[in-house]
Amino acid sequence: MLQIKDIYKTFNAGTINEKRALQGVSLHLKPGDFVTVIGGNGAGKSTLMNTVSGAYPVDEGKILIDGVDVTHLPEYKRAKFIGRVFQDPMMGTAATMQIEENMALAARRGKIRTLLPGITNKERKFYKEQLKILDLGLEDRLTAKVGLLSGGQRQALTLLMAALQKPKLLLLDEHTAALDPKTAAKVLDATQRIVDKDNLTTLMITHNMRDAIAYGNRLIMMYDGRVVVDVSGEEKKNLTVERLLNLFSEVSGSDEADDKLLLG
């Protein structure tokens, strides 16, 4: 579903501020893979996600989504393949619009606009069914303004909206990092339910080692613009934070582990 072939990305090339963010990264995701991505600050996690989404062009290499070469497609043309949730809970929704209006925008994205008025009863019933998945009681608040919701509720709604049209690829860019631990756990549980429901191919960046181990069927760790750990199956199920830190030290040749990884 996602093929990343030997991609490179350097910022400020040829200057004193040159930063090699990605150095020959290759990664293949099969349909239904749920891959967690972990690594310290500057490891290349966000750059990887931004090159996949089209926010950053790559210097070399190829990116294919469901067999389509999107390497040179701009971000807005890749949007039909991708659902994305950012770290900031305020980014994915319109605060002055109602919950059902936000969901209608997500459901109708890319479709031909008509002169039919408002939201139909059939659509409203569908939105309620989808909101029940979040287990936050939002199905009873369809006409509430999104700006009145908590950060966690907004992020959960954004997640649901991103997955509403069953994208080829769901990108989760540290989507629980701005939430308190209790709320983050609820959003992660909702994430698992949404991903499982439609068997969505998912790439999730996190700073939290325990979350990276607990969720998904595959885990990769990045360091210095490269993938240095890639585990799945039984090996991932048996992972512990201590084992993951040891793996990082073995393959990176470094005893350093980002503070946020340890605190996670």
C-alpha atoms as a PDB file:
ATOM      1  CA  MET A   1       0.000   0.000   0.000  1.00  0.00           C
ATOM      2  CA  LEU A   2       2.951   2.306   0.664  1.00  0.00           C
ATOM      3  CA  GLN A   3       6.351   1.889  -0.962  1.00  0.00           C
ATOM      4  CA  ILE A   4       9.144   4.264  -0.009  1.00  0.00           C
ATOM      5  CA  LYS A   5      12.186   3.536  -2.134  1.00  0.00           C
ATOM      6  CA  ASP A   6      15.591   4.879  -1.113  1.00  0.00           C
ATOM      7  CA  ILE A   7      14.534   8.473  -0.412  1.00  0.00           C
ATOM      8  CA  TYR A   8      16.850  11.308   0.544  1.00  0.00           C
ATOM      9  CA  LYS A   9      16.041  14.760   1.878  1.00  0.00           C
ATOM     10  CA  THR A  10      18.535  17.484   2.814  1.00  0.00           C
ATOM     11  CA  PHE A  11      17.629  20.924   4.103  1.00  0.00           C
ATOM     12  CA  ASN A  12      19.826  23.998   3.448  1.00  0.00           C
ATOM     13  CA  ALA A  13      22.180  21.979   1.235  1.00  0.00           C
ATOM     14  CA  GLY A  14      25.635  23.455   0.788  1.00  0.00           C
ATOM     15  CA  THR A  15      25.295  25.857   3.713  1.00  0.00           C
ATOM     16  CA  ILE A  16      26.587  25.866   7.269  1.00  0.00           C
ATOM     17  CA  ASN A  17      23.070  24.852   8.348  1.00  0.00           C
ATOM     18  CA  GLU A  18      22.925  21.775   6.115  1.00  0.00           C
ATOM     19  CA  LYS A  19      20.837  18.993   7.654  1.00  0.00           C
ATOM     20  CA  ARG A  20      20.562  15.536   6.101  1.00  0.00           C
ATOM     21  CA  ALA A  21      17.109  14.635   7.357  1.00  0.00           C
ATOM     22  CA  LEU A  22      16.598  11.397   5.394  1.00  0.00           C
ATOM     23  CA  GLN A  23      19.448   9.223   4.164  1.00  0.00           C
ATOM     24  CA  GLY A  24      18.323   6.415   1.894  1.00  0.00           C
ATOM     25  CA  VAL A  25      15.112   5.436   3.709  1.00  0.00           C
ATOM     26  CA  SER A  26      13.198   2.481   2.267  1.00  0.00           C
ATOM     27  CA  LEU A  27       9.961   1.238   3.790  1.00  0.00           C
ATOM     28  CA  HIS A  28       7.157  -0.970   2.454  1.00  0.00           C
ATOM     29  CA  LEU A  29       3.737  -1.206   4.122  1.00  0.00           C
ATOM     30  CA  LYS A  30       1.330  -3.961   3.167  1.00  0.00           C
ATOM     31  CA  PRO A  31      -2.432  -3.279   3.113  1.00  0.00           C
ATOM     32  CA  GLY A  32      -3.689  -3.204   6.705  1.00  0.00           C
ATOM     33  CA  ASP A  33      -0.263  -2.662   8.287  1.00  0.00           C
ATOM     34  CA  PHE A  34      -0.328  -0.446  11.384  1.00  0.00           C
ATOM     35  CA  VAL A  35       3.245   0.786  11.799  1.00  0.00           C
ATOM     36  CA  THR A  36       4.415   2.850  14.769  1.00  0.00           C
ATOM     37  CA  VAL A  37       7.452   5.092  14.227  1.00  0.00           C
ATOM     38  CA  ILE A  38       9.680   6.144  17.097  1.00  0.00           C
ATOM     39  CA  GLY A  39      12.966   8.029  17.410  1.00  0.00           C
ATOM     40  CA  GLY A  40      14.604  10.992  19.094  1.00  0.00           C
ATOM     41  CA  ASN A  41      14.369  14.624  18.050  1.00  0.00           C
ATOM     42  CA  GLY A  42      15.948  15.092  14.624  1.00  0.00           C
ATOM     43  CA  ALA A  43      15.767  11.383  13.771  1.00  0.00           C
ATOM     44  CA  GLY A  44      13.736  12.089  10.621  1.00  0.00           C
ATOM     45  CA  LYS A  45      10.274  10.929  11.705  1.00  0.00           C
ATOM     46  CA  SER A  46       8.333  14.068  10.801  1.00  0.00           C
ATOM     47  CA  THR A  47      10.369  14.600   7.639  1.00  0.00           C
ATOM     48  CA  LEU A  48       9.460  11.077   6.554  1.00  0.00           C
ATOM     49  CA  MET A  49       5.780  11.768   7.094  1.00  0.00           C
ATOM     50  CA  ASN A  50       5.975  15.136   5.328  1.00  0.00           C
ATOM     51  CA  THR A  51       7.636  13.585   2.273  1.00  0.00           C
ATOM     52  CA  VAL A  52       4.914  10.920   2.128  1.00  0.00           C
ATOM     53  CA  SER A  53       2.149  13.540   2.379  1.00  0.00           C
ATOM     54  CA  GLY A  54       3.810  15.765  -0.228  1.00  0.00           C
ATOM     55  CA  ALA A  55       4.537  18.670   2.115  1.00  0.00           C
ATOM     56  CA  TYR A  56       8.257  18.229   1.298  1.00  0.00           C
ATOM     57  CA  PRO A  57       9.614  17.097  -2.089  1.00  0.00           C
ATOM     58  CA  VAL A  58      12.310  14.408  -1.952  1.00  0.00           C
ATOM     59  CA  ASP A  59      15.800  14.958  -3.376  1.00  0.00           C
ATOM     60  CA  GLU A  60      16.067  11.363  -4.575  1.00  0.00           C
ATOM     61  CA  GLY A  61      14.010   8.177  -4.483  1.00  0.00           C
ATOM     62  CA  LYS A  62      10.392   7.223  -5.099  1.00  0.00           C
ATOM     63  CA  ILE A  63       7.120   7.091  -3.154  1.00  0.00           C
ATOM     64  CA  LEU A  64       4.203   4.941  -4.301  1.00  0.00           C
ATOM     65  CA  ILE A  65       0.756   4.696  -2.705  1.00  0.00           C
ATOM     66  CA  ASP A  66      -1.336   1.699  -3.757  1.00  0.00           C
ATOM     67  CA  GLY A  67       0.905   1.273  -6.804  1.00  0.00           C
ATOM     68  CA  VAL A  68       0.598   4.911  -7.929  1.00  0.00           C
ATOM     69  CA  ASP A  69       3.846   6.888  -8.179  1.00  0.00           C
ATOM     70  CA  VAL A  70       3.130  10.066  -6.200  1.00  0.00           C
ATOM     71  CA  THR A  71       6.768  11.216  -5.917  1.00  0.00           C
ATOM     72  CA  HIS A  72       6.211  14.347  -7.961  1.00  0.00           C
ATOM     73  CA  LEU A  73       2.561  14.971  -7.114  1.00  0.00           C
ATOM     74  CA  PRO A  74       1.862  18.108  -5.026  1.00  0.00           C
ATOM     75  CA  GLU A  75       0.316  17.752  -1.595  1.00  0.00           C
ATOM     76  CA  TYR A  76      -3.234  18.615  -2.680  1.00  0.00           C
ATOM     77  CA  LYS A  77      -3.210  15.868  -5.333  1.00  0.00           C
ATOM     78  CA  ARG A  78      -1.992  13.266  -2.837  1.00  0.00           C
ATOM     79  CA  ALA A  79      -4.795  14.226  -0.450  1.00  0.00           C
ATOM     80  CA  LYS A  80      -7.227  11.838  -2.166  1.00  0.00           C
ATOM     81  CA  PHE A  81      -5.059   8.914  -1.035  1.00  0.00           C
ATOM     82  CA  ILE A  82      -4.265  10.158   2.469  1.00  0.00           C
ATOM     83  CA  GLY A  83      -5.974  10.951   5.764  1.00  0.00           C
ATOM     84  CA  ARG A  84      -3.790  12.851   8.229  1.00  0.00           C
ATOM     85  CA  VAL A  85      -4.033  13.917  11.874  1.00  0.00           C
ATOM     86  CA  PHE A  86      -1.563  16.452  13.241  1.00  0.00           C
ATOM     87  CA  GLN A  87      -0.202  17.000  16.749  1.00  0.00           C
ATOM     88  CA  ASP A  88      -2.263  20.165  17.335  1.00  0.00           C
ATOM     89  CA  PRO A  89      -5.902  19.245  18.182  1.00  0.00           C
ATOM     90  CA  MET A  90      -7.047  22.598  16.772  1.00  0.00           C
ATOM     91  CA  MET A  91      -5.791  21.956  13.231  1.00  0.00           C
ATOM     92  CA  GLY A  92      -8.209  19.342  11.904  1.00  0.00           C
ATOM     93  CA  THR A  93     -11.589  20.898  12.624  1.00  0.00           C
ATOM     94  CA  ALA A  94     -13.474  24.167  12.120  1.00  0.00           C
ATOM     95  CA  ALA A  95     -14.183  25.588  15.583  1.00  0.00           C
ATOM     96  CA  THR A  96     -17.158  27.766  14.593  1.00  0.00           C
ATOM     97  CA  MET A  97     -19.002  24.929  12.836  1.00  0.00           C
ATOM     98  CA  GLN A  98     -21.112  22.175  14.382  1.00  0.00           C
ATOM     99  CA  ILE A  99     -19.877  18.599  14.784  1.00  0.00           C
ATOM    100  CA  GLU A 100     -22.214  17.361  12.054  1.00  0.00           C
ATOM    101  CA  GLU A 101     -21.093  20.173   9.719  1.00  0.00           C
ATOM    102  CA  ASN A 102     -17.455  19.248  10.226  1.00  0.00           C
ATOM    103  CA  MET A 103     -18.255  15.612   9.495  1.00  0.00           C
ATOM    104  CA  ALA A 104     -20.204  16.581   6.392  1.00  0.00           C
ATOM    105  CA  LEU A 105     -17.161  18.451   5.064  1.00  0.00           C
ATOM    106  CA  ALA A 106     -15.009  15.374   5.630  1.00  0.00           C
ATOM    107  CA  ALA A 107     -17.559  12.997   4.095  1.00  0.00           C
ATOM    108  CA  ARG A 108     -18.008  15.151   0.993  1.00  0.00           C
ATOM    109  CA  ARG A 109     -14.346  15.905   0.405  1.00  0.00           C
ATOM    110  CA  GLY A 110     -13.476  15.459  -3.257  1.00  0.00           C
ATOM    111  CA  LYS A 111     -17.095  14.897  -4.273  1.00  0.00           C
ATOM    112  CA  ILE A 112     -19.148  17.021  -6.679  1.00  0.00           C
ATOM    113  CA  ARG A 113     -21.035  19.761  -4.851  1.00  0.00           C
ATOM    114  CA  THR A 114     -24.781  20.023  -5.365  1.00  0.00           C
ATOM    115  CA  LEU A 115     -27.498  22.533  -4.541  1.00  0.00           C
ATOM    116  CA  LEU A 116     -29.218  20.128  -2.155  1.00  0.00           C
ATOM    117  CA  PRO A 117     -29.801  21.817   1.197  1.00  0.00           C
ATOM    118  CA  GLY A 118     -28.026  20.950   4.424  1.00  0.00           C
ATOM    119  CA  ILE A 119     -27.447  17.539   5.939  1.00  0.00           C
ATOM    120  CA  THR A 120     -29.928  14.743   5.249  1.00  0.00           C
ATOM    121  CA  ASN A 121     -31.413  12.496   7.940  1.00  0.00           C
ATOM    122  CA  LYS A 122     -29.580   9.561   6.359  1.00  0.00           C
ATOM    123  CA  GLU A 123     -26.265  11.396   6.681  1.00  0.00           C
ATOM    124  CA  ARG A 124     -27.039  12.419  10.260  1.00  0.00           C
ATOM    125  CA  LYS A 125     -27.764   8.796  11.187  1.00  0.00           C
ATOM    126  CA  PHE A 126     -24.464   7.732   9.626  1.00  0.00           C
ATOM    127  CA  TYR A 127     -22.528  10.420  11.549  1.00  0.00           C
ATOM    128  CA  LYS A 128     -24.106   9.272  14.828  1.00  0.00           C
ATOM    129  CA  GLU A 129     -23.079   5.671  14.156  1.00  0.00           C
ATOM    130  CA  GLN A 130     -19.519   6.748  13.430  1.00  0.00           C
ATOM    131  CA  LEU A 131     -19.283   8.972  16.508  1.00  0.00           C
ATOM    132  CA  LYS A 132     -20.319   6.068  18.740  1.00  0.00           C
ATOM    133  CA  ILE A 133     -17.005   4.420  17.849  1.00  0.00           C
ATOM    134  CA  LEU A 134     -15.200   7.144  19.828  1.00  0.00           C
ATOM    135  CA  ASP A 135     -17.138   6.331  23.018  1.00  0.00           C
ATOM    136  CA  LEU A 136     -17.126  10.001  24.043  1.00  0.00           C
ATOM    137  CA  GLY A 137     -20.857  10.744  23.876  1.00  0.00           C
ATOM    138  CA  LEU A 138     -20.425  13.040  20.869  1.00  0.00           C
ATOM    139  CA  GLU A 139     -23.186  11.215  18.980  1.00  0.00           C
ATOM    140  CA  ASP A 140     -25.654  13.079  21.207  1.00  0.00           C
ATOM    141  CA  ARG A 141     -24.075  16.472  20.500  1.00  0.00           C
ATOM    142  CA  LEU A 142     -24.240  16.700  16.713  1.00  0.00           C
ATOM    143  CA  THR A 143     -25.218  20.376  16.711  1.00  0.00           C
ATOM    144  CA  ALA A 144     -22.629  21.465  19.290  1.00  0.00           C
ATOM    145  CA  LYS A 145     -19.954  23.869  18.068  1.00  0.00           C
ATOM    146  CA  VAL A 146     -16.607  22.111  17.802  1.00  0.00           C
ATOM    147  CA  GLY A 147     -14.907  25.039  19.544  1.00  0.00           C
ATOM    148  CA  LEU A 148     -16.720  24.031  22.757  1.00  0.00           C
ATOM    149  CA  LEU A 149     -15.125  20.576  22.807  1.00  0.00           C
ATOM    150  CA  SER A 150     -12.042  19.647  24.814  1.00  0.00           C
ATOM    151  CA  GLY A 151      -8.704  19.117  23.064  1.00  0.00           C
ATOM    152  CA  GLY A 152      -9.082  15.359  23.340  1.00  0.00           C
ATOM    153  CA  GLN A 153     -12.618  15.384  21.950  1.00  0.00           C
ATOM    154  CA  ARG A 154     -11.503  17.553  19.030  1.00  0.00           C
ATOM    155  CA  GLN A 155      -8.560  15.288  18.286  1.00  0.00           C
ATOM    156  CA  ALA A 156     -10.771  12.200  18.383  1.00  0.00           C
ATOM    157  CA  LEU A 157     -13.213  13.917  16.024  1.00  0.00           C
ATOM    158  CA  THR A 158     -10.356  14.892  13.698  1.00  0.00           C
ATOM    159  CA  LEU A 159      -9.203  11.276  13.683  1.00  0.00           C
ATOM    160  CA  LEU A 160     -12.675  10.050  12.796  1.00  0.00           C
ATOM    161  CA  MET A 161     -12.975  12.640  10.015  1.00  0.00           C
ATOM    162  CA  ALA A 162      -9.576  11.698   8.580  1.00  0.00           C
ATOM    163  CA  ALA A 163     -10.677   8.057   8.332  1.00  0.00           C
ATOM    164  CA  LEU A 164     -14.252   8.713   7.173  1.00  0.00           C
ATOM    165  CA  GLN A 165     -13.576   8.098   3.476  1.00  0.00           C
ATOM    166  CA  LYS A 166     -11.348   5.066   4.163  1.00  0.00           C
ATOM    167  CA  PRO A 167      -8.087   6.562   2.842  1.00  0.00           C
ATOM    168  CA  LYS A 168      -5.429   4.370   1.281  1.00  0.00           C
ATOM    169  CA  LEU A 169      -3.066   5.585   3.993  1.00  0.00           C
ATOM    170  CA  LEU A 170      -3.701   7.126   7.424  1.00  0.00           C
ATOM    171  CA  LEU A 171      -0.897   9.335   8.776  1.00  0.00           C
ATOM    172  CA  LEU A 172      -0.881  10.077  12.509  1.00  0.00           C
ATOM    173  CA  ASP A 173       1.734  12.691  13.343  1.00  0.00           C
ATOM    174  CA  GLU A 174       2.184  12.481  17.148  1.00  0.00           C
ATOM    175  CA  HIS A 175      -1.566  12.958  17.358  1.00  0.00           C
ATOM    176  CA  THR A 176      -1.697  12.424  21.145  1.00  0.00           C
ATOM    177  CA  ALA A 177       1.423  14.402  22.121  1.00  0.00           C
ATOM    178  CA  ALA A 178      -0.528  17.539  23.134  1.00  0.00           C
ATOM    179  CA  LEU A 179      -2.991  15.614  25.314  1.00  0.00           C
ATOM    180  CA  ASP A 180      -2.818  14.624  28.966  1.00  0.00           C
ATOM    181  CA  PRO A 181      -2.059  10.902  29.552  1.00  0.00           C
ATOM    182  CA  LYS A 182      -5.652   9.891  30.365  1.00  0.00           C
ATOM    183  CA  THR A 183      -7.086  11.649  27.301  1.00  0.00           C
ATOM    184  CA  ALA A 184      -4.239  10.369  25.107  1.00  0.00           C
ATOM    185  CA  ALA A 185      -5.078   6.801  26.135  1.00  0.00           C
ATOM    186  CA  LYS A 186      -8.724   7.313  25.117  1.00  0.00           C
ATOM    187  CA  VAL A 187      -7.727   8.731  21.722  1.00  0.00           C
ATOM    188  CA  LEU A 188      -5.295   5.838  21.146  1.00  0.00           C
ATOM    189  CA  ASP A 189      -8.004   3.311  21.980  1.00  0.00           C
ATOM    190  CA  ALA A 190     -10.303   5.081  19.515  1.00  0.00           C
ATOM    191  CA  THR A 191      -7.485   4.998  16.971  1.00  0.00           C
ATOM    192  CA  GLN A 192      -7.185   1.227  17.311  1.00  0.00           C
ATOM    193  CA  ARG A 193     -10.945   0.765  16.865  1.00  0.00           C
ATOM    194  CA  ILE A 194     -11.074   2.993  13.778  1.00  0.00           C
ATOM    195  CA  VAL A 195      -8.031   1.348  12.181  1.00  0.00           C
ATOM    196  CA  ASP A 196      -9.384  -2.149  12.891  1.00  0.00           C
ATOM    197  CA  LYS A 197     -12.893  -1.352  11.639  1.00  0.00           C
ATOM    198  CA  ASP A 198     -11.749  -0.562   8.098  1.00  0.00           C
ATOM    199  CA  ASN A 199      -8.375  -2.361   8.172  1.00  0.00           C
ATOM    200  CA  LEU A 200      -6.662   0.959   7.405  1.00  0.00           C
ATOM    201  CA  THR A 201      -2.976   1.052   6.474  1.00  0.00           C
ATOM    202  CA  THR A 202      -1.551   3.366   9.111  1.00  0.00           C
ATOM    203  CA  LEU A 203       1.731   5.108   9.903  1.00  0.00           C
ATOM    204  CA  MET A 204       1.807   6.555  13.433  1.00  0.00           C
ATOM    205  CA  ILE A 205       4.636   8.667  14.837  1.00  0.00           C
ATOM    206  CA  THR A 206       4.949   8.694  18.602  1.00  0.00           C
ATOM    207  CA  HIS A 207       7.478   9.760  21.237  1.00  0.00           C
ATOM    208  CA  ASN A 208       6.094   7.224  23.668  1.00  0.00           C
ATOM    209  CA  MET A 209       7.880   3.868  23.637  1.00  0.00           C
ATOM    210  CA  ARG A 210       5.103   2.061  25.493  1.00  0.00           C
ATOM    211  CA  ASP A 211       2.506   3.270  22.981  1.00  0.00           C
ATOM    212  CA  ALA A 212       4.781   2.286  20.087  1.00  0.00           C
ATOM    213  CA  ILE A 213       5.029  -1.224  21.547  1.00  0.00           C
ATOM    214  CA  ALA A 214       1.350  -1.558  22.523  1.00  0.00           C
ATOM    215  CA  TYR A 215      -0.208  -0.457  19.235  1.00  0.00           C
ATOM    216  CA  GLY A 216       0.162  -1.707  15.693  1.00  0.00           C
ATOM    217  CA  ASN A 217       1.624  -4.873  14.191  1.00  0.00           C
ATOM    218  CA  ARG A 218       5.026  -3.396  13.346  1.00  0.00           C
ATOM    219  CA  LEU A 219       7.461  -0.916  14.916  1.00  0.00           C
ATOM    220  CA  ILE A 220      10.296   1.018  13.318  1.00  0.00           C
ATOM    221  CA  MET A 221      12.845   3.237  15.037  1.00  0.00           C
ATOM    222  CA  MET A 222      14.662   6.019  13.215  1.00  0.00           C
ATOM    223  CA  TYR A 223      18.046   7.527  14.001  1.00  0.00           C
ATOM    224  CA  ASP A 224      20.024  10.116  12.049  1.00  0.00           C
ATOM    225  CA  GLY A 225      17.713   9.950   9.020  1.00  0.00           C
ATOM    226  CA  ARG A 226      17.738   6.171   8.768  1.00  0.00           C
ATOM    227  CA  VAL A 227      15.569   3.245   9.859  1.00  0.00           C
ATOM    228  CA  VAL A 228      17.690   1.395  12.423  1.00  0.00           C
ATOM    229  CA  VAL A 229      15.104  -0.957  13.972  1.00  0.00           C
ATOM    230  CA  ASP A 230      12.236  -2.737  12.200  1.00  0.00           C
ATOM    231  CA  VAL A 231      10.335  -5.387  14.165  1.00  0.00           C
ATOM    232  CA  SER A 232       6.995  -7.113  13.646  1.00  0.00           C
ATOM    233  CA  GLY A 233       5.066 -10.251  14.486  1.00  0.00           C
ATOM    234  CA  GLU A 234       6.036 -12.198  17.596  1.00  0.00           C
ATOM    235  CA  GLU A 235       9.197 -10.133  18.048  1.00  0.00           C
ATOM    236  CA  LYS A 236       7.113  -6.980  18.444  1.00  0.00           C
ATOM    237  CA  LYS A 237       4.612  -8.667  20.746  1.00  0.00           C
ATOM    238  CA  ASN A 238       7.452  -9.672  23.054  1.00  0.00           C
ATOM    239  CA  LEU A 239       9.149  -6.255  23.032  1.00  0.00           C
ATOM    240  CA  THR A 240       9.795  -4.342  26.235  1.00  0.00           C
ATOM    241  CA  VAL A 241      11.032  -0.766  26.640  1.00  0.00           C
ATOM    242  CA  GLU A 242      14.339  -2.115  27.958  1.00  0.00           C
ATOM    243  CA  ARG A 243      14.759  -4.431  24.953  1.00  0.00           C
ATOM    244  CA  LEU A 244      13.909  -1.606  22.571  1.00  0.00           C
ATOM    245  CA  LEU A 245      16.528   0.666  24.156  1.00  0.00           C
ATOM    246  CA  ASN A 246      19.072  -2.134  23.872  1.00  0.00           C
ATOM    247  CA  LEU A 247      18.194  -2.635  20.207  1.00  0.00           C
ATOM    248  CA  PHE A 248      18.647   1.075  19.620  1.00  0.00           C
ATOM    249  CA  SER A 249      22.093   1.014  21.225  1.00  0.00           C
ATOM    250  CA  GLU A 250      23.138  -2.053  19.228  1.00  0.00           C
ATOM    251  CA  VAL A 251      22.176  -0.783  15.787  1.00  0.00           C
ATOM    252  CA  SER A 252      22.989   2.917  16.250  1.00  0.00           C
ATOM    253  CA  GLY A 253      26.296   2.404  18.019  1.00  0.00           C
ATOM    254  CA  SER A 254      25.119   4.993  20.532  1.00  0.00           C
ATOM    255  CA  ASP A 255      24.111   4.819  24.177  1.00  0.00           C
ATOM    256  CA  GLU A 256      22.107   8.014  23.774  1.00  0.00           C
ATOM    257  CA  ALA A 257      18.360   7.774  23.994  1.00  0.00           C
ATOM    258  CA  ASP A 258      16.260  10.877  23.679  1.00  0.00           C
ATOM    259  CA  ASP A 259      14.873  12.046  27.052  1.00  0.00           C
ATOM    260  CA  LYS A 260      11.357  11.983  25.673  1.00  0.00           C
ATOM    261  CA  LEU A 261      11.764   8.329  24.698  1.00  0.00           C
ATOM    262  CA  LEU A 262      12.859   7.442  28.229  1.00  0.00           C
ATOM    263  CA  LEU A 263      10.140   9.521  29.841  1.00  0.00           C
ATOM    264  CA  GLY A 264       7.590   7.876  27.589  1.00  0.00           C
END
